[in-house]
């Protein structure tokens, strides 16, 4: 079990976030997740990943643009 102030490598961070290595590198490069280079390897802190996850959390009602409202869909069997 990783403690909040322990370091983790990129494979562990990918597993923790459920993303691939390329996505993790993109998040780091965009500044969404802080990382630290120690020699030739990158290290991340779990509390930074938890902070990213909290910021990425979807708020209820914010996805309405992704699905039609019932009043906007044509009724089944309706004549044109």
PDB file of N, CA and C in Angstrom:
ATOM      1  N   UNK A   1       0.860  -1.188   0.000  1.00  0.00           N
ATOM      2  CA  UNK A   1       0.000   0.000   0.000  1.00  0.00           C
ATOM      3  C   UNK A   1       0.895   1.236   0.000  1.00  0.00           C
ATOM      4  N   UNK A   2       0.561   2.199  -0.831  1.00  0.00           N
ATOM      5  CA  UNK A   2       1.356   3.419  -0.940  1.00  0.00           C
ATOM      6  C   UNK A   2       0.808   4.462   0.023  1.00  0.00           C
ATOM      7  N   UNK A   3       1.711   5.033   0.819  1.00  0.00           N
ATOM      8  CA  UNK A   3       1.320   6.106   1.727  1.00  0.00           C
ATOM      9  C   UNK A   3       1.233   7.410   0.950  1.00  0.00           C
ATOM     10  N   UNK A   4       0.486   8.386   1.494  1.00  0.00           N
ATOM     11  CA  UNK A   4       0.226   9.643   0.796  1.00  0.00           C
ATOM     12  C   UNK A   4       1.492  10.423   0.479  1.00  0.00           C
ATOM     13  N   UNK A   5       2.540  10.277   1.281  1.00  0.00           N
ATOM     14  CA  UNK A   5       3.749  11.050   1.024  1.00  0.00           C
ATOM     15  C   UNK A   5       4.850  10.222   0.378  1.00  0.00           C
ATOM     16  N   UNK A   6       4.528   9.001  -0.064  1.00  0.00           N
ATOM     17  CA  UNK A   6       5.509   8.170  -0.738  1.00  0.00           C
ATOM     18  C   UNK A   6       5.550   8.486  -2.222  1.00  0.00           C
ATOM     19  N   UNK A   7       6.683   8.204  -2.824  1.00  0.00           N
ATOM     20  CA  UNK A   7       6.876   8.388  -4.250  1.00  0.00           C
ATOM     21  C   UNK A   7       6.432   7.139  -4.997  1.00  0.00           C
ATOM     22  N   UNK A   8       5.999   7.315  -6.234  1.00  0.00           N
ATOM     23  CA  UNK A   8       5.693   6.163  -7.081  1.00  0.00           C
ATOM     24  C   UNK A   8       6.223   6.431  -8.480  1.00  0.00           C
ATOM     25  N   UNK A   9       6.541   5.366  -9.170  1.00  0.00           N
ATOM     26  CA  UNK A   9       7.004   5.465 -10.541  1.00  0.00           C
ATOM     27  C   UNK A   9       5.838   5.570 -11.511  1.00  0.00           C
ATOM     28  N   UNK A  10       6.160   5.733 -12.766  1.00  0.00           N
ATOM     29  CA  UNK A  10       5.099   5.896 -13.770  1.00  0.00           C
ATOM     30  C   UNK A  10       4.236   4.646 -13.942  1.00  0.00           C
ATOM     31  N   UNK A  11       4.785   3.426 -13.881  1.00  0.00           N
ATOM     32  CA  UNK A  11       3.879   2.267 -13.999  1.00  0.00           C
ATOM     33  C   UNK A  11       2.846   2.219 -12.875  1.00  0.00           C
ATOM     34  N   UNK A  12       3.273   2.519 -11.645  1.00  0.00           N
ATOM     35  CA  UNK A  12       2.339   2.516 -10.514  1.00  0.00           C
ATOM     36  C   UNK A  12       1.322   3.645 -10.657  1.00  0.00           C
ATOM     37  N   UNK A  13       1.758   4.804 -11.139  1.00  0.00           N
ATOM     38  CA  UNK A  13       0.841   5.929 -11.330  1.00  0.00           C
ATOM     39  C   UNK A  13      -0.191   5.611 -12.404  1.00  0.00           C
ATOM     40  N   UNK A  14       0.242   4.963 -13.485  1.00  0.00           N
ATOM     41  CA  UNK A  14      -0.692   4.557 -14.541  1.00  0.00           C
ATOM     42  C   UNK A  14      -1.748   3.605 -13.992  1.00  0.00           C
ATOM     43  N   UNK A  15      -1.302   2.649 -13.221  1.00  0.00           N
ATOM     44  CA  UNK A  15      -2.222   1.689 -12.619  1.00  0.00           C
ATOM     45  C   UNK A  15      -3.192   2.388 -11.660  1.00  0.00           C
ATOM     46  N   UNK A  16      -2.680   3.297 -10.872  1.00  0.00           N
ATOM     47  CA  UNK A  16      -3.500   4.018  -9.894  1.00  0.00           C
ATOM     48  C   UNK A  16      -4.583   4.850 -10.583  1.00  0.00           C
ATOM     49  N   UNK A  17      -4.221   5.501 -11.707  1.00  0.00           N
ATOM     50  CA  UNK A  17      -5.172   6.350 -12.432  1.00  0.00           C
ATOM     51  C   UNK A  17      -6.014   5.571 -13.437  1.00  0.00           C
ATOM     52  N   UNK A  18      -5.565   4.394 -13.819  1.00  0.00           N
ATOM     53  CA  UNK A  18      -6.287   3.617 -14.822  1.00  0.00           C
ATOM     54  C   UNK A  18      -6.091   4.168 -16.225  1.00  0.00           C
ATOM     55  N   UNK A  19      -4.905   4.709 -16.497  1.00  0.00           N
ATOM     56  CA  UNK A  19      -4.593   5.256 -17.819  1.00  0.00           C
ATOM     57  C   UNK A  19      -3.308   4.627 -18.328  1.00  0.00           C
ATOM     58  N   UNK A  20      -3.052   4.795 -19.616  1.00  0.00           N
ATOM     59  CA  UNK A  20      -1.822   4.303 -20.204  1.00  0.00           C
ATOM     60  C   UNK A  20      -0.671   5.275 -19.979  1.00  0.00           C
ATOM     61  N   UNK A  21       0.516   4.805 -20.309  1.00  0.00           N
ATOM     62  CA  UNK A  21       1.718   5.600 -20.100  1.00  0.00           C
ATOM     63  C   UNK A  21       1.711   6.879 -20.940  1.00  0.00           C
ATOM     64  N   UNK A  22       1.257   6.793 -22.178  1.00  0.00           N
ATOM     65  CA  UNK A  22       1.214   7.986 -23.038  1.00  0.00           C
ATOM     66  C   UNK A  22       0.287   9.050 -22.466  1.00  0.00           C
ATOM     67  N   UNK A  23      -0.865   8.625 -21.949  1.00  0.00           N
ATOM     68  CA  UNK A  23      -1.800   9.572 -21.342  1.00  0.00           C
ATOM     69  C   UNK A  23      -1.181  10.209 -20.101  1.00  0.00           C
ATOM     70  N   UNK A  24      -0.501   9.419 -19.285  1.00  0.00           N
ATOM     71  CA  UNK A  24       0.153   9.965 -18.094  1.00  0.00           C
ATOM     72  C   UNK A  24       1.203  11.003 -18.490  1.00  0.00           C
ATOM     73  N   UNK A  25       2.030  10.677 -19.485  1.00  0.00           N
ATOM     74  CA  UNK A  25       3.029  11.639 -19.951  1.00  0.00           C
ATOM     75  C   UNK A  25       2.374  12.920 -20.456  1.00  0.00           C
ATOM     76  N   UNK A  26       1.249  12.788 -21.138  1.00  0.00           N
ATOM     77  CA  UNK A  26       0.537  13.965 -21.639  1.00  0.00           C
ATOM     78  C   UNK A  26       0.022  14.817 -20.480  1.00  0.00           C
ATOM     79  N   UNK A  27      -0.537  14.191 -19.458  1.00  0.00           N
ATOM     80  CA  UNK A  27      -1.029  14.923 -18.287  1.00  0.00           C
ATOM     81  C   UNK A  27       0.101  15.645 -17.568  1.00  0.00           C
ATOM     82  N   UNK A  28       1.260  15.002 -17.497  1.00  0.00           N
ATOM     83  CA  UNK A  28       2.428  15.628 -16.876  1.00  0.00           C
ATOM     84  C   UNK A  28       2.900  16.805 -17.721  1.00  0.00           C
ATOM     85  N   UNK A  29       3.019  16.577 -19.037  1.00  0.00           N
ATOM     86  CA  UNK A  29       3.526  17.607 -19.940  1.00  0.00           C
ATOM     87  C   UNK A  29       2.601  18.825 -20.000  1.00  0.00           C
ATOM     88  N   UNK A  30       1.294  18.609 -19.857  1.00  0.00           N
ATOM     89  CA  UNK A  30       0.325  19.712 -19.871  1.00  0.00           C
ATOM     90  C   UNK A  30       0.266  20.443 -18.539  1.00  0.00           C
ATOM     91  N   UNK A  31       0.920  19.911 -17.525  1.00  0.00           N
ATOM     92  CA  UNK A  31       0.921  20.544 -16.210  1.00  0.00           C
ATOM     93  C   UNK A  31      -0.254  20.151 -15.337  1.00  0.00           C
ATOM     94  N   UNK A  32      -1.036  19.154 -15.760  1.00  0.00           N
ATOM     95  CA  UNK A  32      -2.176  18.704 -14.966  1.00  0.00           C
ATOM     96  C   UNK A  32      -1.744  17.918 -13.727  1.00  0.00           C
ATOM     97  N   UNK A  33      -0.630  17.202 -13.856  1.00  0.00           N
ATOM     98  CA  UNK A  33      -0.096  16.406 -12.754  1.00  0.00           C
ATOM     99  C   UNK A  33       1.375  16.750 -12.599  1.00  0.00           C
ATOM    100  N   UNK A  34       1.801  17.146 -11.398  1.00  0.00           N
ATOM    101  CA  UNK A  34       3.231  17.413 -11.203  1.00  0.00           C
ATOM    102  C   UNK A  34       4.024  16.111 -11.133  1.00  0.00           C
ATOM    103  N   UNK A  35       5.212  16.126 -11.711  1.00  0.00           N
ATOM    104  CA  UNK A  35       6.116  14.987 -11.650  1.00  0.00           C
ATOM    105  C   UNK A  35       7.519  15.520 -11.388  1.00  0.00           C
ATOM    106  N   UNK A  36       8.367  14.663 -10.924  1.00  0.00           N
ATOM    107  CA  UNK A  36       9.728  15.034 -10.553  1.00  0.00           C
ATOM    108  C   UNK A  36      10.696  14.082 -11.229  1.00  0.00           C
ATOM    109  N   UNK A  37      11.680  14.647 -11.915  1.00  0.00           N
ATOM    110  CA  UNK A  37      12.666  13.808 -12.573  1.00  0.00           C
ATOM    111  C   UNK A  37      13.827  13.566 -11.630  1.00  0.00           C
ATOM    112  N   UNK A  38      14.104  12.293 -11.373  1.00  0.00           N
ATOM    113  CA  UNK A  38      15.191  11.887 -10.497  1.00  0.00           C
ATOM    114  C   UNK A  38      16.103  10.985 -11.321  1.00  0.00           C
ATOM    115  N   UNK A  39      17.146  11.588 -11.823  1.00  0.00           N
ATOM    116  CA  UNK A  39      18.002  10.847 -12.746  1.00  0.00           C
ATOM    117  C   UNK A  39      17.271  10.688 -14.068  1.00  0.00           C
ATOM    118  N   UNK A  40      17.130   9.451 -14.500  1.00  0.00           N
ATOM    119  CA  UNK A  40      16.456   9.182 -15.771  1.00  0.00           C
ATOM    120  C   UNK A  40      14.993   8.801 -15.609  1.00  0.00           C
ATOM    121  N   UNK A  41      14.487   8.773 -14.386  1.00  0.00           N
ATOM    122  CA  UNK A  41      13.109   8.325 -14.158  1.00  0.00           C
ATOM    123  C   UNK A  41      12.250   9.456 -13.615  1.00  0.00           C
ATOM    124  N   UNK A  42      10.964   9.346 -13.856  1.00  0.00           N
ATOM    125  CA  UNK A  42       9.993  10.289 -13.305  1.00  0.00           C
ATOM    126  C   UNK A  42       9.365   9.672 -12.065  1.00  0.00           C
ATOM    127  N   UNK A  43       9.136  10.497 -11.070  1.00  0.00           N
ATOM    128  CA  UNK A  43       8.466  10.067  -9.845  1.00  0.00           C
ATOM    129  C   UNK A  43       7.290  10.994  -9.581  1.00  0.00           C
ATOM    130  N   UNK A  44       6.232  10.425  -9.019  1.00  0.00           N
ATOM    131  CA  UNK A  44       5.025  11.179  -8.705  1.00  0.00           C
ATOM    132  C   UNK A  44       4.626  10.881  -7.271  1.00  0.00           C
ATOM    133  N   UNK A  45       3.848  11.793  -6.697  1.00  0.00           N
ATOM    134  CA  UNK A  45       3.336  11.592  -5.340  1.00  0.00           C
ATOM    135  C   UNK A  45       1.846  11.278  -5.409  1.00  0.00           C
ATOM    136  N   UNK A  46       1.418  10.357  -4.572  1.00  0.00           N
ATOM    137  CA  UNK A  46       0.017   9.938  -4.591  1.00  0.00           C
ATOM    138  C   UNK A  46      -0.917  11.101  -4.293  1.00  0.00           C
ATOM    139  N   UNK A  47      -0.551  11.992  -3.383  1.00  0.00           N
ATOM    140  CA  UNK A  47      -1.466  13.092  -3.057  1.00  0.00           C
ATOM    141  C   UNK A  47      -1.641  14.025  -4.258  1.00  0.00           C
ATOM    142  N   UNK A  48      -0.632  14.129  -5.138  1.00  0.00           N
ATOM    143  CA  UNK A  48      -0.795  14.911  -6.365  1.00  0.00           C
ATOM    144  C   UNK A  48      -1.773  14.226  -7.320  1.00  0.00           C
ATOM    145  N   UNK A  49      -1.709  12.902  -7.386  1.00  0.00           N
ATOM    146  CA  UNK A  49      -2.649  12.159  -8.229  1.00  0.00           C
ATOM    147  C   UNK A  49      -4.063  12.260  -7.676  1.00  0.00           C
ATOM    148  N   UNK A  50      -4.201  12.183  -6.351  1.00  0.00           N
ATOM    149  CA  UNK A  50      -5.525  12.328  -5.733  1.00  0.00           C
ATOM    150  C   UNK A  50      -6.102  13.715  -5.998  1.00  0.00           C
ATOM    151  N   UNK A  51      -5.255  14.725  -5.951  1.00  0.00           N
ATOM    152  CA  UNK A  51      -5.699  16.089  -6.235  1.00  0.00           C
ATOM    153  C   UNK A  51      -6.174  16.213  -7.678  1.00  0.00           C
ATOM    154  N   UNK A  52      -5.439  15.619  -8.612  1.00  0.00           N
ATOM    155  CA  UNK A  52      -5.851  15.626 -10.022  1.00  0.00           C
ATOM    156  C   UNK A  52      -7.204  14.930 -10.188  1.00  0.00           C
ATOM    157  N   UNK A  53      -7.357  13.778  -9.553  1.00  0.00           N
ATOM    158  CA  UNK A  53      -8.617  13.040  -9.664  1.00  0.00           C
ATOM    159  C   UNK A  53      -9.790  13.859  -9.133  1.00  0.00           C
ATOM    160  N   UNK A  54      -9.583  14.576  -8.051  1.00  0.00           N
ATOM    161  CA  UNK A  54     -10.659  15.397  -7.492  1.00  0.00           C
ATOM    162  C   UNK A  54     -11.026  16.529  -8.459  1.00  0.00           C
ATOM    163  N   UNK A  55     -10.030  17.145  -9.097  1.00  0.00           N
ATOM    164  CA  UNK A  55     -10.306  18.218 -10.071  1.00  0.00           C
ATOM    165  C   UNK A  55     -10.984  17.682 -11.328  1.00  0.00           C
ATOM    166  N   UNK A  56     -10.707  16.420 -11.674  1.00  0.00           N
ATOM    167  CA  UNK A  56     -11.269  15.822 -12.886  1.00  0.00           C
ATOM    168  C   UNK A  56     -12.659  15.230 -12.659  1.00  0.00           C
ATOM    169  N   UNK A  57     -13.114  15.245 -11.431  1.00  0.00           N
ATOM    170  CA  UNK A  57     -14.420  14.648 -11.101  1.00  0.00           C
ATOM    171  C   UNK A  57     -15.528  15.358 -11.855  1.00  0.00           C
ATOM    172  N   UNK A  58     -16.430  14.583 -12.444  1.00  0.00           N
ATOM    173  CA  UNK A  58     -17.548  15.119 -13.220  1.00  0.00           C
ATOM    174  C   UNK A  58     -18.665  15.528 -12.263  1.00  0.00           C
ATOM    175  N   UNK A  59     -19.120  16.748 -12.417  1.00  0.00           N
ATOM    176  CA  UNK A  59     -20.215  17.242 -11.596  1.00  0.00           C
ATOM    177  C   UNK A  59     -21.547  16.749 -12.160  1.00  0.00           C
ATOM    178  N   UNK A  60     -22.474  16.309 -11.312  1.00  0.00           N
ATOM    179  CA  UNK A  60     -23.781  15.864 -11.799  1.00  0.00           C
ATOM    180  C   UNK A  60     -24.461  16.967 -12.608  1.00  0.00           C
ATOM    181  N   UNK A  61     -25.040  16.579 -13.722  1.00  0.00           N
ATOM    182  CA  UNK A  61     -25.747  17.522 -14.581  1.00  0.00           C
ATOM    183  C   UNK A  61     -24.865  18.215 -15.600  1.00  0.00           C
ATOM    184  N   UNK A  62     -23.567  17.944 -15.589  1.00  0.00           N
ATOM    185  CA  UNK A  62     -22.670  18.633 -16.515  1.00  0.00           C
ATOM    186  C   UNK A  62     -22.513  17.909 -17.848  1.00  0.00           C
ATOM    187  N   UNK A  63     -23.154  16.766 -18.013  1.00  0.00           N
ATOM    188  CA  UNK A  63     -23.010  15.996 -19.253  1.00  0.00           C
ATOM    189  C   UNK A  63     -24.264  15.995 -20.117  1.00  0.00           C
ATOM    190  N   UNK A  64     -25.196  16.875 -19.818  1.00  0.00           N
ATOM    191  CA  UNK A  64     -26.449  16.887 -20.568  1.00  0.00           C
ATOM    192  C   UNK A  64     -26.248  17.123 -22.060  1.00  0.00           C
ATOM    193  N   UNK A  65     -25.180  17.787 -22.418  1.00  0.00           N
ATOM    194  CA  UNK A  65     -24.910  18.036 -23.832  1.00  0.00           C
ATOM    195  C   UNK A  65     -24.541  16.752 -24.589  1.00  0.00           C
ATOM    196  N   UNK A  66     -24.286  15.661 -23.876  1.00  0.00           N
ATOM    197  CA  UNK A  66     -23.886  14.417 -24.516  1.00  0.00           C
ATOM    198  C   UNK A  66     -25.055  13.485 -24.835  1.00  0.00           C
ATOM    199  N   UNK A  67     -26.215  13.782 -24.325  1.00  0.00           N
ATOM    200  CA  UNK A  67     -27.362  12.934 -24.624  1.00  0.00           C
ATOM    201  C   UNK A  67     -28.592  13.820 -24.849  1.00  0.00           C
ATOM    202  N   UNK A  68     -29.473  13.406 -25.771  1.00  0.00           N
ATOM    203  CA  UNK A  68     -30.645  14.246 -26.082  1.00  0.00           C
ATOM    204  C   UNK A  68     -31.662  14.240 -24.945  1.00  0.00           C
ATOM    205  N   UNK A  69     -32.359  15.335 -24.834  1.00  0.00           N
ATOM    206  CA  UNK A  69     -33.447  15.423 -23.864  1.00  0.00           C
ATOM    207  C   UNK A  69     -34.638  14.660 -24.423  1.00  0.00           C
ATOM    208  N   UNK A  70     -35.446  14.029 -23.586  1.00  0.00           N
ATOM    209  CA  UNK A  70     -36.582  13.234 -24.076  1.00  0.00           C
ATOM    210  C   UNK A  70     -37.517  14.023 -24.992  1.00  0.00           C
ATOM    211  N   UNK A  71     -37.707  15.293 -24.752  1.00  0.00           N
ATOM    212  CA  UNK A  71     -38.616  16.090 -25.580  1.00  0.00           C
ATOM    213  C   UNK A  71     -38.042  16.343 -26.974  1.00  0.00           C
ATOM    214  N   UNK A  72     -36.725  16.192 -27.132  1.00  0.00           N
ATOM    215  CA  UNK A  72     -36.076  16.476 -28.407  1.00  0.00           C
ATOM    216  C   UNK A  72     -35.951  15.253 -29.300  1.00  0.00           C
ATOM    217  N   UNK A  73     -36.247  14.065 -28.799  1.00  0.00           N
ATOM    218  CA  UNK A  73     -36.111  12.865 -29.613  1.00  0.00           C
ATOM    219  C   UNK A  73     -37.432  12.565 -30.293  1.00  0.00           C
ATOM    220  N   UNK A  74     -37.395  12.115 -31.543  1.00  0.00           N
ATOM    221  CA  UNK A  74     -38.638  11.756 -32.235  1.00  0.00           C
ATOM    222  C   UNK A  74     -39.271  10.544 -31.561  1.00  0.00           C
ATOM    223  N   UNK A  75     -40.580  10.561 -31.491  1.00  0.00           N
ATOM    224  CA  UNK A  75     -41.280   9.460 -30.850  1.00  0.00           C
ATOM    225  C   UNK A  75     -41.276   8.266 -31.771  1.00  0.00           C
ATOM    226  N   UNK A  76     -41.193   7.080 -31.166  1.00  0.00           N
ATOM    227  CA  UNK A  76     -41.174   5.855 -31.953  1.00  0.00           C
ATOM    228  C   UNK A  76     -42.511   5.670 -32.641  1.00  0.00           C
ATOM    229  N   UNK A  77     -42.467   5.270 -33.904  1.00  0.00           N
ATOM    230  CA  UNK A  77     -43.679   5.012 -34.641  1.00  0.00           C
ATOM    231  C   UNK A  77     -44.387   6.245 -35.150  1.00  0.00           C
ATOM    232  N   UNK A  78     -43.845   7.417 -34.946  1.00  0.00           N
ATOM    233  CA  UNK A  78     -44.490   8.650 -35.405  1.00  0.00           C
ATOM    234  C   UNK A  78     -44.362   8.747 -36.926  1.00  0.00           C
ATOM    235  N   UNK A  79     -45.405   9.218 -37.565  1.00  0.00           N
ATOM    236  CA  UNK A  79     -45.396   9.378 -39.018  1.00  0.00           C
ATOM    237  C   UNK A  79     -44.658  10.662 -39.376  1.00  0.00           C
ATOM    238  N   UNK A  80     -43.915  10.629 -40.468  1.00  0.00           N
ATOM    239  CA  UNK A  80     -43.170  11.818 -40.908  1.00  0.00           C
ATOM    240  C   UNK A  80     -44.048  12.773 -41.633  1.00  0.00           C
TER     241      UNK A  80
END
